[in-house]
Protein backbone atom coordinates (compact mmCIF):
# COMPACT_ATOMS: atom_id res chain seq x y z
CA MET A 1 -93.96 -102.85 -64.60
CA SER A 2 -95.02 -106.56 -65.37
CA SER A 3 -98.11 -107.37 -66.48
CA ALA A 4 -98.57 -109.24 -63.07
CA THR A 5 -97.62 -106.43 -61.19
CA HIS A 6 -99.84 -104.34 -62.95
CA ALA A 7 -103.06 -106.55 -62.30
CA GLU A 8 -101.89 -106.76 -58.74
CA HIS A 9 -102.06 -103.13 -58.21
CA ALA A 10 -105.63 -102.55 -60.10
CA GLU A 11 -106.97 -105.08 -57.78
CA HIS A 12 -105.48 -103.37 -54.50
CA HIS A 13 -108.39 -101.83 -52.34
CA PRO A 14 -108.27 -98.24 -51.83
CA PHE A 15 -108.80 -99.11 -47.96
CA HIS A 16 -106.11 -101.86 -47.95
CA ALA A 17 -103.20 -100.77 -45.59
CA HIS A 18 -99.95 -101.80 -47.49
CA HIS A 19 -98.50 -103.28 -44.28
CA PHE A 20 -101.39 -105.94 -44.08
CA GLU A 21 -100.78 -108.74 -46.59
CA THR A 22 -104.66 -108.96 -47.45
CA LEU A 23 -107.66 -107.25 -46.86
CA GLU A 24 -109.08 -109.76 -45.16
CA GLN A 25 -106.01 -109.49 -42.48
CA GLN A 26 -106.46 -106.10 -42.37
CA GLN A 27 -110.12 -106.38 -41.26
CA ALA A 28 -110.04 -109.52 -38.90
CA SER A 29 -106.99 -107.48 -36.68
CA ALA A 30 -109.03 -104.33 -37.08
CA LYS A 31 -112.15 -106.92 -35.24
CA LEU A 32 -109.77 -108.61 -32.69
CA GLY A 33 -108.75 -105.05 -31.53
CA MET A 34 -112.11 -103.92 -30.96
CA TRP A 35 -112.58 -107.16 -29.01
CA LEU A 36 -109.64 -106.32 -27.35
CA PHE A 37 -111.04 -102.72 -26.29
CA ILE A 38 -114.51 -104.28 -25.42
CA ALA A 39 -112.45 -106.28 -22.88
CA GLN A 40 -110.80 -103.52 -21.20
CA GLU A 41 -114.30 -101.65 -21.46
CA ILE A 42 -115.96 -104.09 -19.28
CA LEU A 43 -113.36 -104.73 -16.72
CA PHE A 44 -113.93 -100.83 -16.18
CA PHE A 45 -117.32 -101.14 -15.63
CA SER A 46 -117.09 -104.30 -13.76
CA ALA A 47 -115.00 -102.75 -11.02
CA VAL A 48 -118.01 -99.42 -11.09
CA PHE A 49 -120.48 -102.49 -10.73
CA LEU A 50 -118.81 -103.81 -8.10
CA ALA A 51 -118.21 -100.57 -5.79
CA TYR A 52 -121.87 -99.96 -6.26
CA PHE A 53 -122.58 -103.84 -4.63
CA VAL A 54 -120.24 -102.97 -1.78
CA PHE A 55 -121.55 -99.42 -1.11
CA ARG A 56 -125.31 -100.84 -1.24
CA TYR A 57 -124.32 -103.56 0.89
CA TRP A 58 -123.04 -100.67 3.54
CA TYR A 59 -125.98 -98.59 3.17
CA PRO A 60 -128.92 -100.87 2.32
CA GLU A 61 -131.52 -98.52 3.51
CA GLY A 62 -130.10 -95.32 2.03
CA PHE A 63 -129.94 -96.70 -1.31
CA LEU A 64 -133.47 -98.22 -1.12
CA GLU A 65 -134.99 -95.15 -0.01
CA ALA A 66 -132.61 -93.04 -2.97
CA HIS A 67 -133.78 -95.60 -5.67
CA TYR A 68 -137.33 -94.44 -5.39
CA LEU A 69 -136.35 -91.05 -6.31
CA LEU A 70 -135.61 -92.28 -9.80
CA SER A 71 -138.37 -91.96 -12.57
CA ILE A 72 -138.71 -96.09 -14.03
CA PRO A 73 -140.62 -94.45 -17.12
CA MET A 74 -138.08 -92.43 -17.89
CA GLY A 75 -135.35 -95.43 -17.57
CA ALA A 76 -138.08 -97.71 -18.99
CA THR A 77 -138.45 -95.34 -22.24
CA ASN A 78 -134.67 -95.05 -22.75
CA THR A 79 -133.90 -98.60 -22.29
CA VAL A 80 -136.37 -99.13 -25.18
CA VAL A 81 -135.05 -96.78 -27.00
CA LEU A 82 -131.63 -98.13 -26.93
CA LEU A 83 -132.80 -101.75 -27.72
CA THR A 84 -134.15 -99.86 -30.66
CA SER A 85 -131.15 -98.55 -31.62
CA SER A 86 -129.30 -101.88 -31.61
CA LEU A 87 -131.53 -103.42 -33.99
CA THR A 88 -130.61 -100.39 -36.14
CA MET A 89 -127.15 -100.22 -35.65
CA ALA A 90 -127.44 -104.68 -36.72
CA LEU A 91 -129.17 -103.50 -39.95
CA ALA A 92 -126.61 -100.86 -40.81
CA VAL A 93 -124.14 -103.56 -40.57
CA ARG A 94 -125.93 -106.11 -42.35
CA ALA A 95 -126.80 -103.76 -45.19
CA ALA A 96 -123.19 -102.74 -45.35
CA GLN A 97 -122.05 -106.04 -45.93
CA ILE A 98 -124.35 -106.54 -48.69
CA GLY A 99 -123.71 -103.33 -50.27
CA ASP A 100 -127.07 -101.57 -49.82
CA GLN A 101 -126.21 -97.97 -49.32
CA ARG A 102 -129.61 -96.53 -49.18
CA GLN A 103 -130.34 -99.03 -46.15
CA LEU A 104 -126.74 -98.18 -44.76
CA LYS A 105 -127.30 -94.66 -44.46
CA LEU A 106 -130.59 -94.69 -43.33
CA GLN A 107 -130.07 -97.33 -40.55
CA LEU A 108 -126.87 -94.88 -39.64
CA ILE A 109 -129.41 -92.29 -39.59
CA ALA A 110 -131.94 -93.96 -37.43
CA THR A 111 -129.46 -95.42 -34.85
CA ILE A 112 -127.75 -91.52 -34.18
CA ALA A 113 -131.53 -90.19 -34.07
CA LEU A 114 -132.10 -92.74 -31.43
CA ALA A 115 -128.88 -92.13 -29.22
CA GLY A 116 -130.14 -88.24 -29.61
CA VAL A 117 -133.38 -89.21 -28.17
CA PHE A 118 -131.81 -91.06 -25.31
CA MET A 119 -129.61 -88.22 -24.18
CA VAL A 120 -132.74 -85.63 -24.44
CA ILE A 121 -134.68 -88.11 -21.88
CA LYS A 122 -131.50 -88.56 -19.99
CA TYR A 123 -131.19 -84.33 -20.32
CA PHE A 124 -134.24 -84.45 -18.47
CA GLU A 125 -134.03 -86.52 -16.08
CA TYR A 126 -130.91 -85.07 -14.59
CA SER A 127 -132.95 -81.54 -14.92
CA GLU A 128 -135.58 -83.03 -12.45
CA LYS A 129 -132.58 -84.22 -10.27
CA VAL A 130 -130.21 -80.93 -10.05
CA THR A 131 -134.49 -79.26 -9.19
CA LYS A 132 -134.94 -81.34 -6.28
CA GLY A 133 -131.51 -80.92 -4.71
CA LEU A 134 -130.32 -84.16 -5.47
CA LEU A 135 -126.38 -83.44 -6.78
CA PRO A 136 -124.81 -85.01 -3.88
CA PHE A 137 -121.34 -82.32 -4.12
CA GLU A 138 -121.21 -79.03 -3.17
CA ILE A 139 -121.07 -75.77 -6.06
CA GLY A 140 -119.27 -72.68 -4.56
CA GLY A 141 -119.72 -73.90 -1.01
CA THR A 142 -123.43 -74.25 -1.43
CA ASP A 143 -124.51 -77.90 -0.65
CA TYR A 144 -126.98 -78.63 -3.22
CA PHE A 145 -127.78 -82.05 -1.99
CA THR A 146 -131.19 -80.64 -0.03
CA TYR A 147 -133.41 -83.34 -0.05
CA GLN A 148 -134.36 -84.35 3.54
CA GLY A 149 -135.60 -87.22 5.11
CA LEU A 150 -132.91 -89.75 3.37
CA PRO A 151 -130.99 -92.14 5.72
CA GLU A 152 -127.55 -92.41 5.64
CA GLY A 153 -125.89 -93.70 2.24
CA GLY A 154 -128.84 -91.73 -0.08
CA ARG A 155 -126.02 -88.87 -1.27
CA LEU A 156 -123.56 -91.79 -2.02
CA PHE A 157 -126.43 -93.63 -4.22
CA PHE A 158 -126.69 -90.37 -6.23
CA ALA A 159 -122.97 -89.80 -6.05
CA LEU A 160 -122.77 -93.57 -8.29
CA TYR A 161 -125.84 -92.75 -9.98
CA PHE A 162 -124.46 -89.66 -11.37
CA PHE A 163 -120.99 -91.09 -12.15
CA MET A 164 -122.35 -94.01 -13.51
CA THR A 165 -125.24 -92.78 -15.97
CA GLY A 166 -122.65 -89.60 -16.88
CA LEU A 167 -120.39 -92.21 -17.71
CA HIS A 168 -122.36 -94.02 -19.60
CA GLY A 169 -123.72 -90.97 -21.51
CA LEU A 170 -120.36 -90.15 -22.55
CA HIS A 171 -119.76 -93.25 -23.97
CA ILE A 172 -123.17 -92.82 -25.86
CA VAL A 173 -121.75 -89.21 -26.95
CA ILE A 174 -118.56 -90.47 -28.25
CA GLY A 175 -120.50 -93.41 -30.21
CA ILE A 176 -122.58 -90.59 -31.93
CA GLY A 177 -119.35 -89.27 -33.02
CA ILE A 178 -118.31 -92.54 -34.40
CA LEU A 179 -121.95 -92.96 -35.86
CA PHE A 180 -121.60 -89.65 -37.75
CA TRP A 181 -117.99 -90.15 -39.06
CA ILE A 182 -119.40 -93.74 -40.33
CA TYR A 183 -122.13 -92.04 -42.14
CA LEU A 184 -120.11 -89.36 -43.58
CA ARG A 185 -117.89 -92.27 -45.25
CA ALA A 186 -120.75 -94.28 -46.06
CA ALA A 187 -122.52 -91.21 -48.02
CA LYS A 188 -119.07 -91.16 -49.90
CA GLY A 189 -119.86 -94.85 -50.67
CA HIS A 190 -116.67 -96.35 -48.80
CA PHE A 191 -118.15 -100.04 -47.27
CA GLY A 192 -119.58 -102.86 -49.09
CA PRO A 193 -119.00 -106.48 -49.16
CA ALA A 194 -115.67 -106.36 -49.75
CA TYR A 195 -114.78 -103.95 -46.91
CA ASN A 196 -116.88 -103.04 -44.17
CA ALA A 197 -114.86 -103.55 -40.97
CA PRO A 198 -115.35 -99.94 -39.64
CA VAL A 199 -119.24 -100.42 -39.59
CA GLU A 200 -118.94 -103.59 -38.03
CA ASN A 201 -116.34 -102.50 -35.07
CA THR A 202 -118.99 -99.57 -34.39
CA GLY A 203 -121.91 -101.87 -34.22
CA LEU A 204 -119.95 -104.00 -31.79
CA TYR A 205 -118.85 -100.60 -29.65
CA TRP A 206 -122.67 -99.74 -29.76
CA HIS A 207 -124.06 -102.99 -28.59
CA LEU A 208 -121.40 -102.86 -25.37
CA VAL A 209 -123.14 -99.06 -25.06
CA ASP A 210 -126.59 -100.67 -24.52
CA LEU A 211 -125.50 -103.88 -22.90
CA ILE A 212 -123.99 -101.60 -20.20
CA TRP A 213 -127.44 -99.87 -19.98
CA ILE A 214 -129.03 -103.10 -19.57
CA PHE A 215 -127.27 -103.78 -16.34
CA LEU A 216 -127.33 -99.98 -15.42
CA PHE A 217 -131.28 -99.53 -15.20
CA PRO A 218 -132.62 -102.72 -13.27
CA LEU A 219 -129.63 -102.24 -11.21
CA LEU A 220 -130.30 -98.25 -10.20
CA TYR A 221 -134.22 -97.98 -10.97
CA LEU A 222 -135.96 -101.50 -10.03
CA VAL A 223 -133.87 -103.59 -7.74
CA LYS A 224 -134.91 -103.20 -4.39
């Protein structure tokens, strides 16, 4: 092996895939892939939001009365929780970029903890709806939508509410799994100034999840 080849091999980053010419090219490709994923996610949720607007236009009274049954304090608290988690995620990305391993791990743990708080609050919020009989479907032949006095469209509002917030919650759960995987890698010292694309891409995904909730909260809880 020539000295030049030996030097090139020695400088090869352990996470540099062989089919990329440089590590920078590899990370740029990963980031492009994440942006394409985010674009299709935005298109998907845009269709869901459009469906909500259409049905709200058809059943304005039912949607208005039904939205009063949502807990604004719980929704607002979850908004603050997610916005804070965006900050901790951004701090984690910054820590990875400058090679601060301690802060990287701390901020990842904080983001995971805040995501857990969000899901716990959502659990109690869902439990309240179930207790009030606001599930918009039948289970075993039993109609669980027992709330009386809602105009036509109330059931449809809660169908969309559970679908939209449930889909968002699924993204949160997936995000928690990804964050935990990133934390395990961070604990092994995999990320630093030269290589941090997985942390950055996870941050982009997490900011998308937060952004979707920023639209969901006023749309479902506040708009009259």
